[in-house]
Amino acid sequence: MASYFVVQSFTSGKGGTFPDAPIQAQSLHQARRVAERLSLKKSMVIAFMRDGNPKTGDYGDPKLIFAKGDDLPEEVAEMERA
């Protein structure tokens, strides 16, 4: 199994909040740094990691690395911490 680190930011505008392109990081530390930096400009940022096997499609539950924003989804608050 491999670990995958993803940073997802969101931009607020007319009509709501929209996801930006996700960023794949190489490590937990890099994901946290990128998320912290983006949180200074973006309305919401969530960074998480997942262990999985892309060949079989088997992935574990996501683990939260970083989250900041006014309207964080309830699922984010309930995520296990990395």
N, C-alpha and C. Protein backbone atom coordinates (compact mmCIF):
# COMPACT_ATOMS: atom_id res chain seq x y z
N MET A 1 0.84 -1.19 0.00
CA MET A 1 0.00 0.00 0.00
C MET A 1 0.87 1.24 0.00
N ALA A 2 0.35 2.29 -0.57
CA ALA A 2 1.05 3.58 -0.63
C ALA A 2 0.21 4.63 0.08
N SER A 3 0.86 5.68 0.52
CA SER A 3 0.16 6.80 1.15
C SER A 3 0.04 7.92 0.14
N TYR A 4 -1.15 8.53 0.09
CA TYR A 4 -1.42 9.63 -0.80
C TYR A 4 -1.81 10.85 0.03
N PHE A 5 -1.25 12.01 -0.33
CA PHE A 5 -1.47 13.25 0.40
C PHE A 5 -2.10 14.25 -0.55
N VAL A 6 -3.25 14.79 -0.15
CA VAL A 6 -4.00 15.69 -1.03
C VAL A 6 -4.37 16.97 -0.28
N VAL A 7 -4.23 18.09 -0.98
CA VAL A 7 -4.66 19.39 -0.46
C VAL A 7 -5.77 19.88 -1.39
N GLN A 8 -6.93 20.15 -0.80
CA GLN A 8 -8.07 20.65 -1.57
C GLN A 8 -8.44 22.03 -1.05
N SER A 9 -8.34 23.03 -1.91
CA SER A 9 -8.74 24.39 -1.53
C SER A 9 -10.04 24.73 -2.25
N PHE A 10 -10.69 25.76 -1.74
CA PHE A 10 -11.97 26.22 -2.28
C PHE A 10 -11.95 27.73 -2.39
N THR A 11 -12.61 28.25 -3.42
CA THR A 11 -12.71 29.68 -3.65
C THR A 11 -14.17 30.09 -3.56
N SER A 12 -14.46 31.13 -2.80
CA SER A 12 -15.82 31.66 -2.70
C SER A 12 -16.01 32.76 -3.71
N GLY A 13 -17.20 32.79 -4.28
CA GLY A 13 -17.53 33.82 -5.25
C GLY A 13 -19.02 33.93 -5.39
N LYS A 14 -19.44 34.66 -6.38
CA LYS A 14 -20.86 34.79 -6.65
C LYS A 14 -21.40 33.40 -6.97
N GLY A 15 -22.43 33.02 -6.28
CA GLY A 15 -23.03 31.72 -6.54
C GLY A 15 -22.54 30.61 -5.64
N GLY A 16 -21.60 30.89 -4.74
CA GLY A 16 -21.21 29.84 -3.81
C GLY A 16 -19.72 29.63 -3.67
N THR A 17 -19.38 28.48 -3.14
CA THR A 17 -17.99 28.08 -2.92
C THR A 17 -17.67 26.96 -3.89
N PHE A 18 -16.53 27.10 -4.57
CA PHE A 18 -16.18 26.15 -5.62
C PHE A 18 -14.82 25.52 -5.35
N PRO A 19 -14.68 24.23 -5.63
CA PRO A 19 -13.39 23.57 -5.40
C PRO A 19 -12.37 23.99 -6.45
N ASP A 20 -11.14 24.19 -6.01
CA ASP A 20 -10.02 24.42 -6.91
C ASP A 20 -9.47 23.04 -7.32
N ALA A 21 -8.52 23.03 -8.20
CA ALA A 21 -7.88 21.77 -8.58
C ALA A 21 -7.15 21.21 -7.36
N PRO A 22 -7.31 19.92 -7.07
CA PRO A 22 -6.60 19.34 -5.93
C PRO A 22 -5.10 19.30 -6.19
N ILE A 23 -4.33 19.36 -5.13
CA ILE A 23 -2.87 19.33 -5.21
C ILE A 23 -2.40 18.06 -4.51
N GLN A 24 -1.61 17.26 -5.20
CA GLN A 24 -1.04 16.07 -4.56
C GLN A 24 0.32 16.45 -3.99
N ALA A 25 0.52 16.14 -2.72
CA ALA A 25 1.78 16.41 -2.05
C ALA A 25 2.58 15.11 -1.92
N GLN A 26 3.86 15.24 -1.64
CA GLN A 26 4.73 14.08 -1.53
C GLN A 26 4.86 13.55 -0.11
N SER A 27 4.43 14.35 0.87
CA SER A 27 4.56 13.92 2.27
C SER A 27 3.52 14.65 3.12
N LEU A 28 3.34 14.17 4.33
CA LEU A 28 2.44 14.80 5.27
C LEU A 28 2.92 16.23 5.56
N HIS A 29 4.21 16.38 5.75
CA HIS A 29 4.78 17.70 6.06
C HIS A 29 4.53 18.68 4.91
N GLN A 30 4.75 18.25 3.68
CA GLN A 30 4.52 19.12 2.53
C GLN A 30 3.04 19.48 2.40
N ALA A 31 2.16 18.51 2.61
CA ALA A 31 0.72 18.77 2.53
C ALA A 31 0.31 19.83 3.54
N ARG A 32 0.83 19.72 4.76
CA ARG A 32 0.50 20.69 5.80
C ARG A 32 1.01 22.08 5.42
N ARG A 33 2.24 22.18 4.92
CA ARG A 33 2.81 23.47 4.54
C ARG A 33 2.00 24.13 3.42
N VAL A 34 1.66 23.34 2.40
CA VAL A 34 0.89 23.87 1.27
C VAL A 34 -0.49 24.34 1.75
N ALA A 35 -1.14 23.54 2.59
CA ALA A 35 -2.47 23.89 3.10
C ALA A 35 -2.42 25.16 3.94
N GLU A 36 -1.43 25.26 4.81
CA GLU A 36 -1.30 26.46 5.64
C GLU A 36 -1.10 27.71 4.78
N ARG A 37 -0.27 27.59 3.75
CA ARG A 37 -0.01 28.73 2.87
C ARG A 37 -1.27 29.11 2.10
N LEU A 38 -1.99 28.13 1.56
CA LEU A 38 -3.22 28.41 0.82
C LEU A 38 -4.31 29.00 1.71
N SER A 39 -4.32 28.61 2.98
CA SER A 39 -5.38 29.09 3.88
C SER A 39 -5.32 30.60 4.11
N LEU A 40 -4.21 31.22 3.77
CA LEU A 40 -4.10 32.67 3.89
C LEU A 40 -4.88 33.39 2.79
N LYS A 41 -5.16 32.67 1.68
CA LYS A 41 -5.82 33.29 0.53
C LYS A 41 -7.19 32.69 0.20
N LYS A 42 -7.40 31.46 0.57
CA LYS A 42 -8.60 30.74 0.15
C LYS A 42 -9.65 30.71 1.25
N SER A 43 -10.91 30.55 0.87
CA SER A 43 -12.00 30.55 1.84
C SER A 43 -12.05 29.26 2.67
N MET A 44 -11.55 28.17 2.10
CA MET A 44 -11.52 26.90 2.83
C MET A 44 -10.40 26.05 2.26
N VAL A 45 -9.69 25.34 3.14
CA VAL A 45 -8.63 24.43 2.73
C VAL A 45 -8.71 23.18 3.60
N ILE A 46 -8.62 22.02 2.95
CA ILE A 46 -8.61 20.75 3.65
C ILE A 46 -7.46 19.92 3.10
N ALA A 47 -6.62 19.39 3.97
CA ALA A 47 -5.55 18.49 3.57
C ALA A 47 -5.79 17.15 4.27
N PHE A 48 -5.63 16.08 3.52
CA PHE A 48 -5.84 14.75 4.11
C PHE A 48 -4.92 13.74 3.46
N MET A 49 -4.80 12.60 4.10
CA MET A 49 -4.01 11.50 3.55
C MET A 49 -4.86 10.24 3.51
N ARG A 50 -4.48 9.35 2.62
CA ARG A 50 -5.17 8.07 2.48
C ARG A 50 -4.15 7.02 2.10
N ASP A 51 -4.26 5.86 2.70
CA ASP A 51 -3.46 4.72 2.30
C ASP A 51 -4.28 3.90 1.33
N GLY A 52 -3.63 3.39 0.29
CA GLY A 52 -4.40 2.61 -0.66
C GLY A 52 -3.56 1.93 -1.72
N ASN A 53 -4.25 1.14 -2.50
CA ASN A 53 -3.63 0.41 -3.59
C ASN A 53 -4.38 0.76 -4.87
N PRO A 54 -3.78 1.58 -5.74
CA PRO A 54 -4.50 1.99 -6.95
C PRO A 54 -4.78 0.84 -7.92
N LYS A 55 -3.99 -0.22 -7.85
CA LYS A 55 -4.22 -1.37 -8.74
C LYS A 55 -5.51 -2.11 -8.40
N THR A 56 -5.81 -2.19 -7.10
CA THR A 56 -7.01 -2.91 -6.67
C THR A 56 -8.17 -1.98 -6.37
N GLY A 57 -7.87 -0.68 -6.19
CA GLY A 57 -8.92 0.27 -5.85
C GLY A 57 -9.28 0.26 -4.37
N ASP A 58 -8.49 -0.44 -3.56
CA ASP A 58 -8.74 -0.51 -2.12
C ASP A 58 -8.04 0.66 -1.42
N TYR A 59 -8.83 1.48 -0.74
CA TYR A 59 -8.30 2.64 -0.02
C TYR A 59 -8.88 2.67 1.38
N GLY A 60 -8.06 3.10 2.32
CA GLY A 60 -8.52 3.26 3.69
C GLY A 60 -9.27 4.57 3.85
N ASP A 61 -9.79 4.79 5.03
CA ASP A 61 -10.48 6.04 5.32
C ASP A 61 -9.49 7.20 5.31
N PRO A 62 -9.92 8.37 4.86
CA PRO A 62 -9.02 9.52 4.88
C PRO A 62 -8.73 9.97 6.31
N LYS A 63 -7.53 10.51 6.50
CA LYS A 63 -7.13 11.05 7.81
C LYS A 63 -6.79 12.52 7.61
N LEU A 64 -7.34 13.34 8.47
CA LEU A 64 -7.20 14.79 8.34
C LEU A 64 -5.81 15.26 8.76
N ILE A 65 -5.22 16.08 7.91
CA ILE A 65 -3.93 16.71 8.21
C ILE A 65 -4.14 18.16 8.64
N PHE A 66 -5.03 18.87 7.92
CA PHE A 66 -5.23 20.30 8.17
C PHE A 66 -6.61 20.68 7.65
N ALA A 67 -7.29 21.56 8.35
CA ALA A 67 -8.57 22.09 7.87
C ALA A 67 -8.76 23.49 8.42
N LYS A 68 -9.16 24.40 7.54
CA LYS A 68 -9.45 25.77 7.97
C LYS A 68 -10.49 26.35 7.02
N GLY A 69 -11.49 26.98 7.59
CA GLY A 69 -12.52 27.62 6.78
C GLY A 69 -13.75 27.89 7.61
N ASP A 70 -14.60 28.77 7.11
CA ASP A 70 -15.80 29.16 7.83
C ASP A 70 -16.89 28.10 7.80
N ASP A 71 -17.02 27.42 6.69
CA ASP A 71 -18.11 26.47 6.53
C ASP A 71 -17.59 25.05 6.28
N LEU A 72 -16.73 24.58 7.17
CA LEU A 72 -16.19 23.23 7.00
C LEU A 72 -17.31 22.20 7.10
N PRO A 73 -17.34 21.24 6.21
CA PRO A 73 -18.37 20.20 6.27
C PRO A 73 -18.25 19.39 7.57
N GLU A 74 -19.37 18.89 8.04
CA GLU A 74 -19.40 18.09 9.26
C GLU A 74 -18.48 16.87 9.16
N GLU A 75 -18.39 16.30 7.96
CA GLU A 75 -17.55 15.12 7.75
C GLU A 75 -16.08 15.41 8.08
N VAL A 76 -15.65 16.64 7.85
CA VAL A 76 -14.26 17.01 8.12
C VAL A 76 -14.02 17.00 9.62
N ALA A 77 -14.93 17.53 10.39
CA ALA A 77 -14.79 17.56 11.85
C ALA A 77 -14.74 16.15 12.43
N GLU A 78 -15.40 15.21 11.74
CA GLU A 78 -15.47 13.83 12.23
C GLU A 78 -14.32 12.95 11.77
N MET A 79 -13.46 13.48 10.87
CA MET A 79 -12.35 12.68 10.34
C MET A 79 -11.32 12.38 11.41
N GLU A 80 -10.76 11.19 11.34
CA GLU A 80 -9.63 10.83 12.20
C GLU A 80 -8.46 11.72 11.84
N ARG A 81 -7.66 12.09 12.83
CA ARG A 81 -6.50 12.96 12.59
C ARG A 81 -5.29 12.13 12.20
N ALA A 82 -4.48 12.67 11.30
CA ALA A 82 -3.25 11.99 10.87
C ALA A 82 -2.16 12.22 11.89
